[in-house]
PDB file of N, CA and C in Angstrom:
ATOM      1  N   UNK A   1      10.040  -9.118   6.748  1.00  0.00           N
ATOM      2  CA  UNK A   1       8.834  -8.323   6.822  1.00  0.00           C
ATOM      3  C   UNK A   1       9.133  -6.933   6.288  1.00  0.00           C
ATOM      4  N   UNK A   2       8.164  -6.406   5.542  1.00  0.00           N
ATOM      5  CA  UNK A   2       8.260  -5.044   5.032  1.00  0.00           C
ATOM      6  C   UNK A   2       6.976  -4.306   5.376  1.00  0.00           C
ATOM      7  N   UNK A   3       7.120  -2.997   5.611  1.00  0.00           N
ATOM      8  CA  UNK A   3       5.963  -2.182   5.991  1.00  0.00           C
ATOM      9  C   UNK A   3       5.968  -0.877   5.208  1.00  0.00           C
ATOM     10  N   UNK A   4       4.752  -0.337   5.047  1.00  0.00           N
ATOM     11  CA  UNK A   4       4.601   0.958   4.396  1.00  0.00           C
ATOM     12  C   UNK A   4       3.460   1.724   5.050  1.00  0.00           C
ATOM     13  N   UNK A   5       3.666   3.027   5.180  1.00  0.00           N
ATOM     14  CA  UNK A   5       2.605   3.914   5.669  1.00  0.00           C
ATOM     15  C   UNK A   5       1.677   4.201   4.498  1.00  0.00           C
ATOM     16  N   UNK A   6       0.392   4.169   4.752  1.00  0.00           N
ATOM     17  CA  UNK A   6      -0.599   4.492   3.726  1.00  0.00           C
ATOM     18  C   UNK A   6      -1.137   5.884   4.027  1.00  0.00           C
ATOM     19  N   UNK A   7      -0.875   6.795   3.107  1.00  0.00           N
ATOM     20  CA  UNK A   7      -1.311   8.180   3.267  1.00  0.00           C
ATOM     21  C   UNK A   7      -2.534   8.442   2.402  1.00  0.00           C
ATOM     22  N   UNK A   8      -3.497   9.130   2.974  1.00  0.00           N
ATOM     23  CA  UNK A   8      -4.671   9.585   2.243  1.00  0.00           C
ATOM     24  C   UNK A   8      -4.656  11.106   2.302  1.00  0.00           C
ATOM     25  N   UNK A   9      -4.492  11.731   1.161  1.00  0.00           N
ATOM     26  CA  UNK A   9      -4.354  13.195   1.087  1.00  0.00           C
ATOM     27  C   UNK A   9      -3.288  13.684   2.072  1.00  0.00           C
ATOM     28  N   UNK A  10      -2.152  12.991   2.054  1.00  0.00           N
ATOM     29  CA  UNK A  10      -0.965  13.307   2.854  1.00  0.00           C
ATOM     30  C   UNK A  10      -1.150  13.165   4.359  1.00  0.00           C
ATOM     31  N   UNK A  11      -2.182  12.474   4.788  1.00  0.00           N
ATOM     32  CA  UNK A  11      -2.372  12.164   6.211  1.00  0.00           C
ATOM     33  C   UNK A  11      -2.321  10.645   6.366  1.00  0.00           C
ATOM     34  N   UNK A  12      -1.611  10.180   7.393  1.00  0.00           N
ATOM     35  CA  UNK A  12      -1.431   8.746   7.556  1.00  0.00           C
ATOM     36  C   UNK A  12      -2.728   8.076   8.003  1.00  0.00           C
ATOM     37  N   UNK A  13      -3.218   7.174   7.150  1.00  0.00           N
ATOM     38  CA  UNK A  13      -4.469   6.463   7.426  1.00  0.00           C
ATOM     39  C   UNK A  13      -4.224   5.097   8.050  1.00  0.00           C
ATOM     40  N   UNK A  14      -3.104   4.472   7.689  1.00  0.00           N
ATOM     41  CA  UNK A  14      -2.852   3.132   8.208  1.00  0.00           C
ATOM     42  C   UNK A  14      -1.500   2.598   7.782  1.00  0.00           C
ATOM     43  N   UNK A  15      -1.330   1.296   7.998  1.00  0.00           N
ATOM     44  CA  UNK A  15      -0.059   0.627   7.687  1.00  0.00           C
ATOM     45  C   UNK A  15      -0.345  -0.656   6.910  1.00  0.00           C
ATOM     46  N   UNK A  16       0.414  -0.847   5.846  1.00  0.00           N
ATOM     47  CA  UNK A  16       0.363  -2.071   5.056  1.00  0.00           C
ATOM     48  C   UNK A  16       1.628  -2.855   5.348  1.00  0.00           C
ATOM     49  N   UNK A  17       1.470  -4.135   5.695  1.00  0.00           N
ATOM     50  CA  UNK A  17       2.596  -4.992   6.054  1.00  0.00           C
ATOM     51  C   UNK A  17       2.630  -6.200   5.141  1.00  0.00           C
ATOM     52  N   UNK A  18       3.833  -6.550   4.679  1.00  0.00           N
ATOM     53  CA  UNK A  18       4.030  -7.825   3.989  1.00  0.00           C
ATOM     54  C   UNK A  18       4.908  -8.687   4.875  1.00  0.00           C
ATOM     55  N   UNK A  19       4.416  -9.871   5.203  1.00  0.00           N
ATOM     56  CA  UNK A  19       5.171 -10.805   6.041  1.00  0.00           C
ATOM     57  C   UNK A  19       6.125 -11.633   5.190  1.00  0.00           C
ATOM     58  N   UNK A  20       7.053 -12.312   5.836  1.00  0.00           N
ATOM     59  CA  UNK A  20       8.062 -13.096   5.141  1.00  0.00           C
ATOM     60  C   UNK A  20       7.470 -14.225   4.302  1.00  0.00           C
ATOM     61  N   UNK A  21       6.274 -14.699   4.649  1.00  0.00           N
ATOM     62  CA  UNK A  21       5.637 -15.752   3.857  1.00  0.00           C
ATOM     63  C   UNK A  21       4.895 -15.188   2.639  1.00  0.00           C
ATOM     64  N   UNK A  22       4.946 -13.864   2.445  1.00  0.00           N
ATOM     65  CA  UNK A  22       4.319 -13.218   1.299  1.00  0.00           C
ATOM     66  C   UNK A  22       2.918 -12.717   1.553  1.00  0.00           C
ATOM     67  N   UNK A  23       2.339 -13.020   2.708  1.00  0.00           N
ATOM     68  CA  UNK A  23       0.982 -12.570   3.020  1.00  0.00           C
ATOM     69  C   UNK A  23       0.999 -11.100   3.452  1.00  0.00           C
ATOM     70  N   UNK A  24      -0.199 -10.508   3.468  1.00  0.00           N
ATOM     71  CA  UNK A  24      -0.321  -9.078   3.746  1.00  0.00           C
ATOM     72  C   UNK A  24      -1.318  -8.804   4.863  1.00  0.00           C
ATOM     73  N   UNK A  25      -1.113  -7.662   5.517  1.00  0.00           N
ATOM     74  CA  UNK A  25      -2.041  -7.153   6.524  1.00  0.00           C
ATOM     75  C   UNK A  25      -2.173  -5.650   6.306  1.00  0.00           C
ATOM     76  N   UNK A  26      -3.405  -5.157   6.400  1.00  0.00           N
ATOM     77  CA  UNK A  26      -3.630  -3.715   6.407  1.00  0.00           C
ATOM     78  C   UNK A  26      -4.413  -3.381   7.659  1.00  0.00           C
ATOM     79  N   UNK A  27      -3.989  -2.326   8.348  1.00  0.00           N
ATOM     80  CA  UNK A  27      -4.735  -1.858   9.515  1.00  0.00           C
ATOM     81  C   UNK A  27      -4.754  -0.332   9.518  1.00  0.00           C
ATOM     82  N   UNK A  28      -5.914   0.195   9.888  1.00  0.00           N
ATOM     83  CA  UNK A  28      -6.055   1.642  10.027  1.00  0.00           C
ATOM     84  C   UNK A  28      -5.433   2.092  11.345  1.00  0.00           C
ATOM     85  N   UNK A  29      -4.925   3.308  11.368  1.00  0.00           N
ATOM     86  CA  UNK A  29      -4.431   3.910  12.614  1.00  0.00           C
ATOM     87  C   UNK A  29      -5.618   4.250  13.505  1.00  0.00           C
ATOM     88  N   UNK A  30      -5.403   4.174  14.808  1.00  0.00           N
ATOM     89  CA  UNK A  30      -6.476   4.456  15.775  1.00  0.00           C
ATOM     90  C   UNK A  30      -7.059   5.852  15.592  1.00  0.00           C
ATOM     91  N   UNK A  31      -6.198   6.846  15.347  1.00  0.00           N
ATOM     92  CA  UNK A  31      -6.692   8.216  15.199  1.00  0.00           C
ATOM     93  C   UNK A  31      -7.524   8.385  13.926  1.00  0.00           C
ATOM     94  N   UNK A  32      -7.246   7.596  12.899  1.00  0.00           N
ATOM     95  CA  UNK A  32      -8.032   7.641  11.661  1.00  0.00           C
ATOM     96  C   UNK A  32      -9.428   7.076  11.918  1.00  0.00           C
ATOM     97  N   UNK A  33      -9.472   5.978  12.665  1.00  0.00           N
ATOM     98  CA  UNK A  33     -10.751   5.343  12.994  1.00  0.00           C
ATOM     99  C   UNK A  33     -11.591   6.259  13.885  1.00  0.00           C
ATOM    100  N   UNK A  34     -10.951   6.915  14.847  1.00  0.00           N
ATOM    101  CA  UNK A  34     -11.660   7.760  15.807  1.00  0.00           C
ATOM    102  C   UNK A  34     -12.282   9.000  15.171  1.00  0.00           C
ATOM    103  N   UNK A  35     -11.697   9.484  14.086  1.00  0.00           N
ATOM    104  CA  UNK A  35     -12.192  10.694  13.428  1.00  0.00           C
ATOM    105  C   UNK A  35     -13.303  10.327  12.437  1.00  0.00           C
ATOM    106  N   UNK A  36     -14.528  10.694  12.756  1.00  0.00           N
ATOM    107  CA  UNK A  36     -15.668  10.338  11.911  1.00  0.00           C
ATOM    108  C   UNK A  36     -15.655  11.037  10.549  1.00  0.00           C
ATOM    109  N   UNK A  37     -14.832  12.058  10.399  1.00  0.00           N
ATOM    110  CA  UNK A  37     -14.723  12.755   9.116  1.00  0.00           C
ATOM    111  C   UNK A  37     -13.760  12.080   8.150  1.00  0.00           C
ATOM    112  N   UNK A  38     -12.979  11.138   8.646  1.00  0.00           N
ATOM    113  CA  UNK A  38     -12.003  10.443   7.785  1.00  0.00           C
ATOM    114  C   UNK A  38     -12.701   9.311   7.038  1.00  0.00           C
ATOM    115  N   UNK A  39     -12.464   9.204   5.724  1.00  0.00           N
ATOM    116  CA  UNK A  39     -13.142   8.178   4.926  1.00  0.00           C
ATOM    117  C   UNK A  39     -12.397   6.838   4.920  1.00  0.00           C
ATOM    118  N   UNK A  40     -13.067   5.826   4.372  1.00  0.00           N
ATOM    119  CA  UNK A  40     -12.384   4.569   4.046  1.00  0.00           C
ATOM    120  C   UNK A  40     -11.398   4.894   2.935  1.00  0.00           C
ATOM    121  N   UNK A  41     -10.283   4.196   2.885  1.00  0.00           N
ATOM    122  CA  UNK A  41      -9.378   4.436   1.749  1.00  0.00           C
ATOM    123  C   UNK A  41      -9.880   3.712   0.506  1.00  0.00           C
ATOM    124  N   UNK A  42     -10.747   2.709   0.722  1.00  0.00           N
ATOM    125  CA  UNK A  42     -11.288   1.919  -0.376  1.00  0.00           C
ATOM    126  C   UNK A  42     -12.582   1.262   0.075  1.00  0.00           C
ATOM    127  N   UNK A  43     -13.473   0.995  -0.871  1.00  0.00           N
ATOM    128  CA  UNK A  43     -14.695   0.262  -0.540  1.00  0.00           C
ATOM    129  C   UNK A  43     -14.376  -1.151  -0.060  1.00  0.00           C
ATOM    130  N   UNK A  44     -13.281  -1.704  -0.543  1.00  0.00           N
ATOM    131  CA  UNK A  44     -12.898  -3.067  -0.162  1.00  0.00           C
ATOM    132  C   UNK A  44     -12.114  -3.110   1.145  1.00  0.00           C
ATOM    133  N   UNK A  45     -11.742  -1.928   1.672  1.00  0.00           N
ATOM    134  CA  UNK A  45     -11.051  -1.826   2.962  1.00  0.00           C
ATOM    135  C   UNK A  45     -11.791  -0.799   3.816  1.00  0.00           C
ATOM    136  N   UNK A  46     -13.004  -1.147   4.258  1.00  0.00           N
ATOM    137  CA  UNK A  46     -13.796  -0.178   5.037  1.00  0.00           C
ATOM    138  C   UNK A  46     -13.140   0.151   6.371  1.00  0.00           C
ATOM    139  N   UNK A  47     -13.313   1.378   6.775  1.00  0.00           N
ATOM    140  CA  UNK A  47     -12.725   1.853   8.032  1.00  0.00           C
ATOM    141  C   UNK A  47     -13.221   0.989   9.178  1.00  0.00           C
ATOM    142  N   UNK A  48     -12.279   0.382   9.892  1.00  0.00           N
ATOM    143  CA  UNK A  48     -12.625  -0.578  10.928  1.00  0.00           C
ATOM    144  C   UNK A  48     -11.444  -0.781  11.861  1.00  0.00           C
ATOM    145  N   UNK A  49     -11.732  -1.186  13.083  1.00  0.00           N
ATOM    146  CA  UNK A  49     -10.663  -1.520  14.025  1.00  0.00           C
ATOM    147  C   UNK A  49     -10.034  -2.867  13.694  1.00  0.00           C
ATOM    148  N   UNK A  50     -10.749  -3.692  12.932  1.00  0.00           N
ATOM    149  CA  UNK A  50     -10.210  -5.008  12.601  1.00  0.00           C
ATOM    150  C   UNK A  50      -9.086  -4.879  11.579  1.00  0.00           C
ATOM    151  N   UNK A  51      -8.192  -5.840  11.610  1.00  0.00           N
ATOM    152  CA  UNK A  51      -7.108  -5.894  10.639  1.00  0.00           C
ATOM    153  C   UNK A  51      -7.578  -6.708   9.443  1.00  0.00           C
ATOM    154  N   UNK A  52      -7.140  -6.318   8.272  1.00  0.00           N
ATOM    155  CA  UNK A  52      -7.458  -7.039   7.051  1.00  0.00           C
ATOM    156  C   UNK A  52      -6.253  -7.901   6.686  1.00  0.00           C
ATOM    157  N   UNK A  53      -6.496  -9.173   6.376  1.00  0.00           N
ATOM    158  CA  UNK A  53      -5.418 -10.100   6.031  1.00  0.00           C
ATOM    159  C   UNK A  53      -5.691 -10.708   4.660  1.00  0.00           C
ATOM    160  N   UNK A  54      -4.610 -10.965   3.922  1.00  0.00           N
ATOM    161  CA  UNK A  54      -4.737 -11.572   2.605  1.00  0.00           C
ATOM    162  C   UNK A  54      -3.459 -12.333   2.262  1.00  0.00           C
ATOM    163  N   UNK A  55      -3.613 -13.412   1.519  1.00  0.00           N
ATOM    164  CA  UNK A  55      -2.446 -14.152   1.030  1.00  0.00           C
ATOM    165  C   UNK A  55      -1.746 -13.370  -0.079  1.00  0.00           C
ATOM    166  N   UNK A  56      -2.482 -12.450  -0.706  1.00  0.00           N
ATOM    167  CA  UNK A  56      -1.969 -11.687  -1.842  1.00  0.00           C
ATOM    168  C   UNK A  56      -2.135 -10.193  -1.575  1.00  0.00           C
ATOM    169  N   UNK A  57      -1.424  -9.386  -2.340  1.00  0.00           N
ATOM    170  CA  UNK A  57      -1.576  -7.941  -2.221  1.00  0.00           C
ATOM    171  C   UNK A  57      -3.040  -7.588  -2.478  1.00  0.00           C
ATOM    172  N   UNK A  58      -3.616  -6.790  -1.590  1.00  0.00           N
ATOM    173  CA  UNK A  58      -5.022  -6.404  -1.705  1.00  0.00           C
ATOM    174  C   UNK A  58      -5.279  -5.786  -3.077  1.00  0.00           C
ATOM    175  N   UNK A  59      -6.434  -6.105  -3.646  1.00  0.00           N
ATOM    176  CA  UNK A  59      -6.775  -5.641  -4.994  1.00  0.00           C
ATOM    177  C   UNK A  59      -6.679  -4.121  -5.125  1.00  0.00           C
ATOM    178  N   UNK A  60      -7.084  -3.394  -4.092  1.00  0.00           N
ATOM    179  CA  UNK A  60      -7.007  -1.930  -4.145  1.00  0.00           C
ATOM    180  C   UNK A  60      -5.581  -1.467  -4.424  1.00  0.00           C
ATOM    181  N   UNK A  61      -4.613  -2.045  -3.727  1.00  0.00           N
ATOM    182  CA  UNK A  61      -3.216  -1.653  -3.912  1.00  0.00           C
ATOM    183  C   UNK A  61      -2.655  -2.220  -5.213  1.00  0.00           C
ATOM    184  N   UNK A  62      -3.038  -3.446  -5.554  1.00  0.00           N
ATOM    185  CA  UNK A  62      -2.565  -4.060  -6.801  1.00  0.00           C
ATOM    186  C   UNK A  62      -2.959  -3.199  -8.002  1.00  0.00           C
ATOM    187  N   UNK A  63      -4.152  -2.618  -7.942  1.00  0.00           N
ATOM    188  CA  UNK A  63      -4.627  -1.797  -9.052  1.00  0.00           C
ATOM    189  C   UNK A  63      -3.911  -0.456  -9.167  1.00  0.00           C
ATOM    190  N   UNK A  64      -3.075  -0.127  -8.201  1.00  0.00           N
ATOM    191  CA  UNK A  64      -2.260   1.087  -8.269  1.00  0.00           C
ATOM    192  C   UNK A  64      -0.957   0.856  -9.045  1.00  0.00           C
ATOM    193  N   UNK A  65      -0.658  -0.402  -9.363  1.00  0.00           N
ATOM    194  CA  UNK A  65       0.619  -0.741  -9.994  1.00  0.00           C
ATOM    195  C   UNK A  65       0.621  -0.414 -11.490  1.00  0.00           C
ATOM    196  N   UNK A  66       1.814  -0.060 -12.014  1.00  0.00           N
ATOM    197  CA  UNK A  66       1.922   0.140 -13.455  1.00  0.00           C
ATOM    198  C   UNK A  66       1.816  -1.209 -14.176  1.00  0.00           C
ATOM    199  N   UNK A  67       1.480  -1.147 -15.442  1.00  0.00           N
ATOM    200  CA  UNK A  67       1.340  -2.364 -16.238  1.00  0.00           C
ATOM    201  C   UNK A  67       2.155  -2.250 -17.516  1.00  0.00           C
ATOM    202  N   UNK A  68       2.309  -3.380 -18.189  1.00  0.00           N
ATOM    203  CA  UNK A  68       2.921  -3.421 -19.512  1.00  0.00           C
ATOM    204  C   UNK A  68       4.326  -2.857 -19.554  1.00  0.00           C
ATOM    205  N   UNK A  69       4.581  -2.057 -20.581  1.00  0.00           N
ATOM    206  CA  UNK A  69       5.931  -1.520 -20.769  1.00  0.00           C
ATOM    207  C   UNK A  69       6.323  -0.556 -19.654  1.00  0.00           C
ATOM    208  N   UNK A  70       5.348   0.148 -19.073  1.00  0.00           N
ATOM    209  CA  UNK A  70       5.662   1.039 -17.943  1.00  0.00           C
ATOM    210  C   UNK A  70       6.205   0.223 -16.768  1.00  0.00           C
ATOM    211  N   UNK A  71       5.580  -0.906 -16.496  1.00  0.00           N
ATOM    212  CA  UNK A  71       6.042  -1.786 -15.421  1.00  0.00           C
ATOM    213  C   UNK A  71       7.444  -2.304 -15.719  1.00  0.00           C
ATOM    214  N   UNK A  72       7.673  -2.716 -16.943  1.00  0.00           N
ATOM    215  CA  UNK A  72       8.992  -3.236 -17.325  1.00  0.00           C
ATOM    216  C   UNK A  72      10.086  -2.195 -17.122  1.00  0.00           C
ATOM    217  N   UNK A  73       9.823  -0.972 -17.526  1.00  0.00           N
ATOM    218  CA  UNK A  73      10.812   0.099 -17.396  1.00  0.00           C
ATOM    219  C   UNK A  73      11.084   0.401 -15.921  1.00  0.00           C
ATOM    220  N   UNK A  74      10.020   0.534 -15.122  1.00  0.00           N
ATOM    221  CA  UNK A  74      10.182   0.831 -13.692  1.00  0.00           C
ATOM    222  C   UNK A  74      10.974  -0.278 -13.010  1.00  0.00           C
ATOM    223  N   UNK A  75      10.636  -1.518 -13.311  1.00  0.00           N
ATOM    224  CA  UNK A  75      11.336  -2.648 -12.688  1.00  0.00           C
ATOM    225  C   UNK A  75      12.804  -2.682 -13.089  1.00  0.00           C
ATOM    226  N   UNK A  76      13.089  -2.436 -14.353  1.00  0.00           N
ATOM    227  CA  UNK A  76      14.475  -2.458 -14.822  1.00  0.00           C
ATOM    228  C   UNK A  76      15.290  -1.328 -14.199  1.00  0.00           C
ATOM    229  N   UNK A  77      14.753  -0.111 -14.208  1.00  0.00           N
ATOM    230  CA  UNK A  77      15.480   1.042 -13.672  1.00  0.00           C
ATOM    231  C   UNK A  77      15.709   0.952 -12.166  1.00  0.00           C
ATOM    232  N   UNK A  78      14.774   0.319 -11.454  1.00  0.00           N
ATOM    233  CA  UNK A  78      14.868   0.245  -9.996  1.00  0.00           C
ATOM    234  C   UNK A  78      15.327  -1.121  -9.487  1.00  0.00           C
ATOM    235  N   UNK A  79      15.660  -2.001 -10.432  1.00  0.00           N
ATOM    236  CA  UNK A  79      16.125  -3.352 -10.097  1.00  0.00           C
ATOM    237  C   UNK A  79      15.122  -4.082  -9.185  1.00  0.00           C
ATOM    238  N   UNK A  80      13.878  -4.085  -9.621  1.00  0.00           N
ATOM    239  CA  UNK A  80      12.798  -4.744  -8.885  1.00  0.00           C
ATOM    240  C   UNK A  80      12.319  -5.934  -9.716  1.00  0.00           C
ATOM    241  N   UNK A  81      12.191  -7.074  -9.082  1.00  0.00           N
ATOM    242  CA  UNK A  81      11.635  -8.248  -9.753  1.00  0.00           C
ATOM    243  C   UNK A  81      10.195  -7.923 -10.155  1.00  0.00           C
ATOM    244  N   UNK A  82       9.789  -8.318 -11.353  1.00  0.00           N
ATOM    245  CA  UNK A  82       8.446  -7.983 -11.838  1.00  0.00           C
ATOM    246  C   UNK A  82       7.336  -8.636 -11.025  1.00  0.00           C
ATOM    247  N   UNK A  83       7.652  -9.639 -10.219  1.00  0.00           N
ATOM    248  CA  UNK A  83       6.645 -10.268  -9.369  1.00  0.00           C
ATOM    249  C   UNK A  83       6.666  -9.730  -7.943  1.00  0.00           C
ATOM    250  N   UNK A  84       7.551  -8.762  -7.666  1.00  0.00           N
ATOM    251  CA  UNK A  84       7.618  -8.132  -6.340  1.00  0.00           C
ATOM    252  C   UNK A  84       6.645  -6.951  -6.308  1.00  0.00           C
ATOM    253  N   UNK A  85       5.372  -7.279  -6.164  1.00  0.00           N
ATOM    254  CA  UNK A  85       4.335  -6.253  -6.242  1.00  0.00           C
ATOM    255  C   UNK A  85       4.444  -5.220  -5.118  1.00  0.00           C
ATOM    256  N   UNK A  86       4.811  -5.666  -3.936  1.00  0.00           N
ATOM    257  CA  UNK A  86       4.927  -4.721  -2.821  1.00  0.00           C
ATOM    258  C   UNK A  86       6.104  -3.768  -3.057  1.00  0.00           C
ATOM    259  N   UNK A  87       7.222  -4.290  -3.513  1.00  0.00           N
ATOM    260  CA  UNK A  87       8.367  -3.443  -3.835  1.00  0.00           C
ATOM    261  C   UNK A  87       8.037  -2.444  -4.932  1.00  0.00           C
ATOM    262  N   UNK A  88       7.325  -2.910  -5.926  1.00  0.00           N
ATOM    263  CA  UNK A  88       6.902  -2.045  -7.024  1.00  0.00           C
ATOM    264  C   UNK A  88       5.933  -0.974  -6.524  1.00  0.00           C
ATOM    265  N   UNK A  89       5.009  -1.362  -5.652  1.00  0.00           N
ATOM    266  CA  UNK A  89       4.056  -0.410  -5.082  1.00  0.00           C
ATOM    267  C   UNK A  89       4.772   0.674  -4.287  1.00  0.00           C
ATOM    268  N   UNK A  90       5.728   0.283  -3.447  1.00  0.00           N
ATOM    269  CA  UNK A  90       6.444   1.270  -2.632  1.00  0.00           C
ATOM    270  C   UNK A  90       7.296   2.196  -3.492  1.00  0.00           C
ATOM    271  N   UNK A  91       7.742   1.725  -4.641  1.00  0.00           N
ATOM    272  CA  UNK A  91       8.557   2.552  -5.536  1.00  0.00           C
ATOM    273  C   UNK A  91       7.707   3.521  -6.336  1.00  0.00           C
ATOM    274  N   UNK A  92       6.596   3.037  -6.855  1.00  0.00           N
ATOM    275  CA  UNK A  92       5.814   3.879  -7.769  1.00  0.00           C
ATOM    276  C   UNK A  92       4.757   4.733  -7.086  1.00  0.00           C
ATOM    277  N   UNK A  93       4.247   4.300  -5.953  1.00  0.00           N
ATOM    278  CA  UNK A  93       3.128   5.024  -5.332  1.00  0.00           C
ATOM    279  C   UNK A  93       3.560   5.966  -4.214  1.00  0.00           C
ATOM    280  N   UNK A  94       4.872   6.185  -4.070  1.00  0.00           N
ATOM    281  CA  UNK A  94       5.295   7.099  -3.009  1.00  0.00           C
ATOM    282  C   UNK A  94       5.102   8.556  -3.399  1.00  0.00           C
ATOM    283  N   UNK A  95       5.263   8.881  -4.658  1.00  0.00           N
ATOM    284  CA  UNK A  95       5.112  10.262  -5.105  1.00  0.00           C
ATOM    285  C   UNK A  95       4.113  10.426  -6.236  1.00  0.00           C
ATOM    286  N   UNK A  96       4.014   9.419  -7.069  1.00  0.00           N
ATOM    287  CA  UNK A  96       3.241   9.556  -8.295  1.00  0.00           C
ATOM    288  C   UNK A  96       2.153   8.500  -8.345  1.00  0.00           C
ATOM    289  N   UNK A  97       0.981   8.845  -7.824  1.00  0.00           N
ATOM    290  CA  UNK A  97      -0.129   7.906  -7.896  1.00  0.00           C
ATOM    291  C   UNK A  97      -1.392   8.646  -8.308  1.00  0.00           C
ATOM    292  N   UNK A  98      -2.287   7.919  -8.935  1.00  0.00           N
ATOM    293  CA  UNK A  98      -3.568   8.494  -9.318  1.00  0.00           C
ATOM    294  C   UNK A  98      -4.482   8.398  -8.106  1.00  0.00           C
ATOM    295  N   UNK A  99      -5.095   9.482  -7.741  1.00  0.00           N
ATOM    296  CA  UNK A  99      -5.985   9.473  -6.593  1.00  0.00           C
ATOM    297  C   UNK A  99      -5.316  10.036  -5.353  1.00  0.00           C
ATOM    298  N   UNK A 100      -5.949   9.799  -4.217  1.00  0.00           N
ATOM    299  CA  UNK A 100      -5.541  10.433  -2.968  1.00  0.00           C
ATOM    300  C   UNK A 100      -4.584   9.593  -2.133  1.00  0.00           C
ATOM    301  N   UNK A 101      -4.320   8.347  -2.529  1.00  0.00           N
ATOM    302  CA  UNK A 101      -3.535   7.431  -1.703  1.00  0.00           C
ATOM    303  C   UNK A 101      -2.091   7.352  -2.188  1.00  0.00           C
ATOM    304  N   UNK A 102      -1.184   7.457  -1.221  1.00  0.00           N
ATOM    305  CA  UNK A 102       0.245   7.244  -1.482  1.00  0.00           C
ATOM    306  C   UNK A 102       0.760   6.179  -0.524  1.00  0.00           C
ATOM    307  N   UNK A 103       1.859   5.539  -0.907  1.00  0.00           N
ATOM    308  CA  UNK A 103       2.443   4.441  -0.133  1.00  0.00           C
ATOM    309  C   UNK A 103       3.905   4.782   0.139  1.00  0.00           C
ATOM    310  N   UNK A 104       4.260   4.905   1.430  1.00  0.00           N
ATOM    311  CA  UNK A 104       5.601   5.320   1.829  1.00  0.00           C
ATOM    312  C   UNK A 104       6.263   4.203   2.626  1.00  0.00           C
ATOM    313  N   UNK A 105       7.384   3.725   2.128  1.00  0.00           N
ATOM    314  CA  UNK A 105       8.107   2.634   2.787  1.00  0.00           C
ATOM    315  C   UNK A 105       8.542   3.031   4.202  1.00  0.00           C
ATOM    316  N   UNK A 106       8.375   2.111   5.125  1.00  0.00           N
ATOM    317  CA  UNK A 106       8.864   2.287   6.501  1.00  0.00           C
ATOM    318  C   UNK A 106      10.180   1.521   6.598  1.00  0.00           C
ATOM    319  N   UNK A 107      11.246   2.217   6.910  1.00  0.00           N
ATOM    320  CA  UNK A 107      12.548   1.572   7.042  1.00  0.00           C
ATOM    321  C   UNK A 107      12.611   0.832   8.371  1.00  0.00           C
ATOM    322  N   UNK A 108      12.809  -0.473   8.314  1.00  0.00           N
ATOM    323  CA  UNK A 108      12.933  -1.288   9.525  1.00  0.00           C
ATOM    324  C   UNK A 108      14.403  -1.494   9.846  1.00  0.00           C
ATOM    325  N   UNK A 109      14.711  -1.540  11.108  1.00  0.00           N
ATOM    326  CA  UNK A 109      16.100  -1.740  11.511  1.00  0.00           C
ATOM    327  C   UNK A 109      16.422  -3.203  11.599  1.00  0.00           C
TER     328      UNK A 109
END
């Protein structure tokens, strides 16, 4: 299992989890849900107490990934398999992403 904190404008909005079977879960933090001024991070992931589950990386996060030669270079330099979308997301979206959302790996013991 791998996890990442999802930051919106440098404030933690929720957690994205990839399970060992490759499926994903996204859940908002309770304090994000409680604050009526905090927005949804995506139209496809509306602010809710429910958890979102998917067999594949959610389209919102998938669309944050580099493509083409940029993807090839990032994967080669960081030794990431080109089909490891979650690994690629945690590598590329931690500091350099378009928009307000960043993805920060949570180190599990």
